Structure formats: C-alpha cells, structure tokens
Amino acid sequence: LENIIEGPVIVKGEPKEEATARARELLAKVGLAGKETSYPRRLSGGQQQRVAIARALAMRPEVILFDEPTSALDPELVGEVLNTIRQLAQEKRTMVIVTHEMSFARDVA
C-alpha cells in the first residue's frame, strides 16, 4: 500500500487518506484485494507486475506505457497480467504496449 501511495502523496500532494483509499480500490481492481500489507518478496511475479500497474494508475495518467509487461514472467503468470491489461483496455484507457504477445495485441487494439 505504501508503495502505491508514495507518488500521489509526495509528487502530487494528495491527502494520504485519499491516496490510501484509491490505492485499496486499485489493488482490488487488479485482483489483489487483501494484499495491502504484503511485501514484494511475498508476491509472485505476476502479482508484483499487477502492483506496478496499480502504482502507475494511482498517478492518474492520461497514457500508460507497457514495455514487455510479461517478458520476465513464468508462463503460468502471464495470463494474470494480460487479463489486467485487457480490463484496462475495456475501460477505454489509452495505452502503448510493446509486446511479443501478438494475438493479445490484436485483441486489445
């Protein structure tokens, strides 16, 4: 949770309570509700990548850049991250994605 609220609180000056509430919502959105107190070493690679997505979303960006978001993941974890990105695409978020997952890229384009 602290990892996600640091940017909005320090860089954007958001109140900590507001940033914390948003961080909880974002963790739930990426399928990690209940992991607010987990340290990165306790999370799988796919979970760590989804926390990174939540951290990026916490800054309320106009565009999100994904540079090979699944390249360092075990094959069984790739689907978790792709599903999260697919969900963002359904919300009509603007994203630039660099990937070798060509069928996925076609689906979300």
N, C-alpha and C. Protein backbone atom coordinates (compact mmCIF):
# COMPACT_ATOMS: atom_id res chain seq x y z
N LEU A 1 0.83 -1.19 0.00
CA LEU A 1 0.00 0.00 0.00
C LEU A 1 0.88 1.26 0.00
N GLU A 2 1.88 1.25 0.85
CA GLU A 2 2.78 2.41 0.91
C GLU A 2 3.46 2.65 -0.44
N ASN A 3 3.79 1.57 -1.12
CA ASN A 3 4.44 1.64 -2.42
C ASN A 3 3.55 2.37 -3.43
N ILE A 4 2.26 2.19 -3.33
CA ILE A 4 1.32 2.78 -4.29
C ILE A 4 1.01 4.23 -3.96
N ILE A 5 0.94 4.59 -2.69
CA ILE A 5 0.53 5.95 -2.33
C ILE A 5 1.68 6.95 -2.33
N GLU A 6 2.91 6.48 -2.40
CA GLU A 6 4.05 7.40 -2.32
C GLU A 6 4.01 8.47 -3.41
N GLY A 7 3.78 8.09 -4.66
CA GLY A 7 3.75 9.06 -5.75
C GLY A 7 2.65 10.09 -5.60
N PRO A 8 1.41 9.66 -5.43
CA PRO A 8 0.33 10.65 -5.29
C PRO A 8 0.51 11.59 -4.10
N VAL A 9 1.02 11.07 -2.98
CA VAL A 9 1.17 11.90 -1.78
C VAL A 9 2.35 12.85 -1.93
N ILE A 10 3.51 12.33 -2.32
CA ILE A 10 4.72 13.15 -2.36
C ILE A 10 4.77 14.03 -3.61
N VAL A 11 4.48 13.46 -4.77
CA VAL A 11 4.62 14.21 -6.02
C VAL A 11 3.40 15.09 -6.30
N LYS A 12 2.22 14.55 -6.11
CA LYS A 12 1.01 15.30 -6.45
C LYS A 12 0.38 16.02 -5.26
N GLY A 13 0.86 15.74 -4.05
CA GLY A 13 0.34 16.41 -2.87
C GLY A 13 -1.06 15.98 -2.46
N GLU A 14 -1.48 14.79 -2.85
CA GLU A 14 -2.80 14.30 -2.45
C GLU A 14 -2.80 13.99 -0.95
N PRO A 15 -3.93 14.19 -0.30
CA PRO A 15 -4.02 13.80 1.11
C PRO A 15 -3.79 12.29 1.24
N LYS A 16 -3.09 11.89 2.28
CA LYS A 16 -2.74 10.48 2.46
C LYS A 16 -3.98 9.60 2.54
N GLU A 17 -5.02 10.07 3.20
CA GLU A 17 -6.24 9.28 3.34
C GLU A 17 -6.89 9.02 1.98
N GLU A 18 -6.92 10.05 1.15
CA GLU A 18 -7.50 9.91 -0.20
C GLU A 18 -6.66 8.95 -1.04
N ALA A 19 -5.35 9.10 -0.98
CA ALA A 19 -4.45 8.23 -1.75
C ALA A 19 -4.55 6.78 -1.27
N THR A 20 -4.70 6.59 0.02
CA THR A 20 -4.83 5.24 0.58
C THR A 20 -6.12 4.58 0.11
N ALA A 21 -7.21 5.32 0.14
CA ALA A 21 -8.49 4.77 -0.32
C ALA A 21 -8.41 4.40 -1.80
N ARG A 22 -7.81 5.27 -2.59
CA ARG A 22 -7.66 4.98 -4.03
C ARG A 22 -6.76 3.77 -4.24
N ALA A 23 -5.68 3.66 -3.47
CA ALA A 23 -4.77 2.52 -3.60
C ALA A 23 -5.49 1.21 -3.31
N ARG A 24 -6.33 1.21 -2.30
CA ARG A 24 -7.11 0.00 -1.99
C ARG A 24 -8.04 -0.36 -3.16
N GLU A 25 -8.68 0.65 -3.75
CA GLU A 25 -9.55 0.41 -4.90
C GLU A 25 -8.76 -0.16 -6.07
N LEU A 26 -7.58 0.40 -6.30
CA LEU A 26 -6.76 -0.06 -7.42
C LEU A 26 -6.25 -1.48 -7.20
N LEU A 27 -5.87 -1.80 -5.97
CA LEU A 27 -5.44 -3.18 -5.69
C LEU A 27 -6.59 -4.15 -5.95
N ALA A 28 -7.79 -3.77 -5.55
CA ALA A 28 -8.95 -4.63 -5.82
C ALA A 28 -9.17 -4.76 -7.33
N LYS A 29 -9.00 -3.66 -8.04
CA LYS A 29 -9.20 -3.65 -9.49
C LYS A 29 -8.25 -4.61 -10.20
N VAL A 30 -7.01 -4.71 -9.72
CA VAL A 30 -6.04 -5.60 -10.36
C VAL A 30 -6.03 -6.99 -9.72
N GLY A 31 -7.03 -7.25 -8.88
CA GLY A 31 -7.19 -8.59 -8.31
C GLY A 31 -6.32 -8.88 -7.11
N LEU A 32 -5.92 -7.84 -6.38
CA LEU A 32 -5.03 -8.05 -5.24
C LEU A 32 -5.60 -7.48 -3.93
N ALA A 33 -6.91 -7.43 -3.82
CA ALA A 33 -7.51 -7.01 -2.55
C ALA A 33 -7.03 -7.97 -1.47
N GLY A 34 -6.69 -7.43 -0.32
CA GLY A 34 -6.19 -8.26 0.78
C GLY A 34 -4.68 -8.38 0.81
N LYS A 35 -4.00 -7.80 -0.18
CA LYS A 35 -2.54 -7.87 -0.22
C LYS A 35 -1.90 -6.53 0.15
N GLU A 36 -2.67 -5.67 0.80
CA GLU A 36 -2.20 -4.31 1.10
C GLU A 36 -0.93 -4.28 1.94
N THR A 37 -0.74 -5.26 2.79
CA THR A 37 0.43 -5.24 3.68
C THR A 37 1.52 -6.20 3.23
N SER A 38 1.35 -6.82 2.07
CA SER A 38 2.34 -7.79 1.58
C SER A 38 3.56 -7.08 1.01
N TYR A 39 4.73 -7.59 1.33
CA TYR A 39 5.97 -7.08 0.76
C TYR A 39 6.22 -7.75 -0.59
N PRO A 40 6.92 -7.07 -1.50
CA PRO A 40 7.15 -7.63 -2.84
C PRO A 40 7.72 -9.05 -2.83
N ARG A 41 8.60 -9.35 -1.91
CA ARG A 41 9.21 -10.69 -1.91
C ARG A 41 8.19 -11.78 -1.60
N ARG A 42 7.04 -11.39 -1.06
CA ARG A 42 5.98 -12.35 -0.73
C ARG A 42 4.96 -12.51 -1.87
N LEU A 43 5.16 -11.77 -2.96
CA LEU A 43 4.23 -11.82 -4.09
C LEU A 43 4.86 -12.54 -5.27
N SER A 44 4.03 -13.17 -6.08
CA SER A 44 4.53 -13.80 -7.31
C SER A 44 4.92 -12.71 -8.30
N GLY A 45 5.60 -13.10 -9.36
CA GLY A 45 5.99 -12.13 -10.39
C GLY A 45 4.77 -11.46 -11.01
N GLY A 46 3.72 -12.24 -11.26
CA GLY A 46 2.50 -11.66 -11.82
C GLY A 46 1.84 -10.69 -10.87
N GLN A 47 1.85 -11.03 -9.58
CA GLN A 47 1.28 -10.12 -8.59
C GLN A 47 2.10 -8.84 -8.49
N GLN A 48 3.42 -8.96 -8.53
CA GLN A 48 4.28 -7.78 -8.49
C GLN A 48 4.01 -6.88 -9.69
N GLN A 49 3.82 -7.48 -10.85
CA GLN A 49 3.55 -6.70 -12.05
C GLN A 49 2.20 -5.98 -11.94
N ARG A 50 1.21 -6.64 -11.34
CA ARG A 50 -0.10 -6.01 -11.17
C ARG A 50 -0.04 -4.89 -10.14
N VAL A 51 0.81 -5.02 -9.11
CA VAL A 51 1.01 -3.92 -8.17
C VAL A 51 1.63 -2.73 -8.91
N ALA A 52 2.57 -3.01 -9.81
CA ALA A 52 3.19 -1.94 -10.59
C ALA A 52 2.14 -1.22 -11.45
N ILE A 53 1.20 -1.97 -11.99
CA ILE A 53 0.12 -1.36 -12.78
C ILE A 53 -0.74 -0.48 -11.86
N ALA A 54 -1.07 -0.96 -10.69
CA ALA A 54 -1.85 -0.16 -9.73
C ALA A 54 -1.09 1.10 -9.35
N ARG A 55 0.22 0.98 -9.15
CA ARG A 55 1.05 2.14 -8.80
C ARG A 55 1.02 3.18 -9.92
N ALA A 56 1.09 2.72 -11.16
CA ALA A 56 1.02 3.65 -12.29
C ALA A 56 -0.35 4.32 -12.36
N LEU A 57 -1.40 3.55 -12.18
CA LEU A 57 -2.76 4.10 -12.23
C LEU A 57 -3.03 5.09 -11.11
N ALA A 58 -2.35 4.93 -9.99
CA ALA A 58 -2.55 5.83 -8.85
C ALA A 58 -2.18 7.27 -9.20
N MET A 59 -1.32 7.44 -10.19
CA MET A 59 -0.91 8.79 -10.61
C MET A 59 -1.90 9.41 -11.60
N ARG A 60 -2.94 8.69 -11.94
CA ARG A 60 -3.99 9.15 -12.86
C ARG A 60 -3.41 9.61 -14.20
N PRO A 61 -2.65 8.74 -14.86
CA PRO A 61 -2.01 9.14 -16.12
C PRO A 61 -3.01 9.20 -17.27
N GLU A 62 -2.69 10.02 -18.27
CA GLU A 62 -3.51 10.05 -19.48
C GLU A 62 -3.18 8.86 -20.37
N VAL A 63 -1.91 8.44 -20.36
CA VAL A 63 -1.43 7.33 -21.18
C VAL A 63 -0.58 6.43 -20.30
N ILE A 64 -0.70 5.12 -20.50
CA ILE A 64 0.12 4.16 -19.77
C ILE A 64 0.99 3.43 -20.78
N LEU A 65 2.29 3.36 -20.51
CA LEU A 65 3.23 2.63 -21.37
C LEU A 65 3.57 1.31 -20.72
N PHE A 66 3.37 0.23 -21.45
CA PHE A 66 3.77 -1.10 -21.00
C PHE A 66 4.89 -1.57 -21.91
N ASP A 67 6.07 -1.75 -21.36
CA ASP A 67 7.21 -2.23 -22.13
C ASP A 67 7.47 -3.68 -21.77
N GLU A 68 7.02 -4.59 -22.61
CA GLU A 68 7.17 -6.03 -22.38
C GLU A 68 6.69 -6.42 -20.97
N PRO A 69 5.42 -6.17 -20.66
CA PRO A 69 4.94 -6.41 -19.30
C PRO A 69 4.97 -7.87 -18.86
N THR A 70 5.12 -8.80 -19.80
CA THR A 70 5.11 -10.22 -19.43
C THR A 70 6.44 -10.91 -19.69
N SER A 71 7.45 -10.17 -20.12
CA SER A 71 8.70 -10.81 -20.57
C SER A 71 9.44 -11.55 -19.46
N ALA A 72 9.36 -11.10 -18.23
CA ALA A 72 10.13 -11.73 -17.15
C ALA A 72 9.27 -12.70 -16.32
N LEU A 73 8.08 -13.00 -16.80
CA LEU A 73 7.16 -13.83 -16.01
C LEU A 73 7.19 -15.28 -16.46
N ASP A 74 6.93 -16.17 -15.50
CA ASP A 74 6.73 -17.57 -15.83
C ASP A 74 5.47 -17.68 -16.67
N PRO A 75 5.43 -18.63 -17.60
CA PRO A 75 4.26 -18.75 -18.49
C PRO A 75 2.92 -18.83 -17.76
N GLU A 76 2.88 -19.47 -16.61
CA GLU A 76 1.60 -19.59 -15.91
C GLU A 76 1.13 -18.27 -15.29
N LEU A 77 2.02 -17.28 -15.18
CA LEU A 77 1.65 -15.98 -14.60
C LEU A 77 1.30 -14.94 -15.64
N VAL A 78 1.62 -15.21 -16.89
CA VAL A 78 1.40 -14.25 -17.97
C VAL A 78 -0.08 -13.87 -18.07
N GLY A 79 -0.95 -14.85 -17.96
CA GLY A 79 -2.39 -14.60 -18.10
C GLY A 79 -2.93 -13.60 -17.10
N GLU A 80 -2.40 -13.62 -15.86
CA GLU A 80 -2.85 -12.67 -14.84
C GLU A 80 -2.64 -11.24 -15.30
N VAL A 81 -1.45 -10.97 -15.82
CA VAL A 81 -1.10 -9.62 -16.23
C VAL A 81 -1.86 -9.23 -17.49
N LEU A 82 -1.95 -10.16 -18.45
CA LEU A 82 -2.68 -9.85 -19.68
C LEU A 82 -4.16 -9.58 -19.40
N ASN A 83 -4.75 -10.30 -18.47
CA ASN A 83 -6.15 -10.05 -18.11
C ASN A 83 -6.33 -8.67 -17.50
N THR A 84 -5.36 -8.25 -16.69
CA THR A 84 -5.42 -6.91 -16.09
C THR A 84 -5.34 -5.84 -17.16
N ILE A 85 -4.43 -6.01 -18.12
CA ILE A 85 -4.29 -5.04 -19.21
C ILE A 85 -5.54 -5.06 -20.09
N ARG A 86 -6.09 -6.22 -20.33
CA ARG A 86 -7.32 -6.35 -21.12
C ARG A 86 -8.46 -5.58 -20.44
N GLN A 87 -8.53 -5.67 -19.13
CA GLN A 87 -9.56 -4.95 -18.37
C GLN A 87 -9.39 -3.44 -18.56
N LEU A 88 -8.14 -2.96 -18.53
CA LEU A 88 -7.89 -1.53 -18.73
C LEU A 88 -8.31 -1.11 -20.13
N ALA A 89 -8.08 -1.96 -21.12
CA ALA A 89 -8.48 -1.65 -22.50
C ALA A 89 -10.00 -1.54 -22.59
N GLN A 90 -10.72 -2.38 -21.87
CA GLN A 90 -12.18 -2.33 -21.88
C GLN A 90 -12.70 -1.04 -21.26
N GLU A 91 -11.89 -0.42 -20.40
CA GLU A 91 -12.26 0.86 -19.79
C GLU A 91 -11.91 2.03 -20.70
N LYS A 92 -11.41 1.72 -21.89
CA LYS A 92 -11.03 2.73 -22.89
C LYS A 92 -9.84 3.58 -22.45
N ARG A 93 -8.94 2.98 -21.70
CA ARG A 93 -7.72 3.68 -21.31
C ARG A 93 -6.76 3.72 -22.49
N THR A 94 -6.03 4.82 -22.61
CA THR A 94 -5.04 4.94 -23.66
C THR A 94 -3.76 4.26 -23.19
N MET A 95 -3.30 3.29 -23.98
CA MET A 95 -2.11 2.52 -23.62
C MET A 95 -1.22 2.35 -24.84
N VAL A 96 0.08 2.35 -24.60
CA VAL A 96 1.07 1.98 -25.60
C VAL A 96 1.71 0.71 -25.06
N ILE A 97 1.63 -0.37 -25.83
CA ILE A 97 2.12 -1.66 -25.34
C ILE A 97 3.17 -2.20 -26.30
N VAL A 98 4.35 -2.47 -25.77
CA VAL A 98 5.41 -3.15 -26.51
C VAL A 98 5.37 -4.59 -26.05
N THR A 99 5.09 -5.51 -26.98
CA THR A 99 4.94 -6.91 -26.58
C THR A 99 5.21 -7.85 -27.74
N HIS A 100 5.57 -9.07 -27.40
CA HIS A 100 5.70 -10.13 -28.39
C HIS A 100 4.44 -11.00 -28.41
N GLU A 101 3.49 -10.69 -27.56
CA GLU A 101 2.22 -11.42 -27.48
C GLU A 101 1.30 -10.87 -28.57
N MET A 102 1.53 -11.28 -29.81
CA MET A 102 0.84 -10.67 -30.94
C MET A 102 -0.67 -10.89 -30.92
N SER A 103 -1.12 -12.07 -30.56
CA SER A 103 -2.57 -12.29 -30.53
C SER A 103 -3.22 -11.40 -29.47
N PHE A 104 -2.55 -11.23 -28.35
CA PHE A 104 -3.05 -10.34 -27.30
C PHE A 104 -3.12 -8.91 -27.83
N ALA A 105 -2.06 -8.46 -28.50
CA ALA A 105 -2.03 -7.09 -29.03
C ALA A 105 -3.18 -6.87 -30.01
N ARG A 106 -3.47 -7.84 -30.85
CA ARG A 106 -4.60 -7.72 -31.78
C ARG A 106 -5.92 -7.63 -31.02
N ASP A 107 -6.06 -8.41 -29.97
CA ASP A 107 -7.30 -8.43 -29.20
C ASP A 107 -7.59 -7.09 -28.53
N VAL A 108 -6.58 -6.46 -27.97
CA VAL A 108 -6.81 -5.23 -27.20
C VAL A 108 -6.70 -3.97 -28.05
N ALA A 109 -6.27 -4.11 -29.29
CA ALA A 109 -6.11 -2.94 -30.17
C ALA A 109 -7.45 -2.32 -30.50
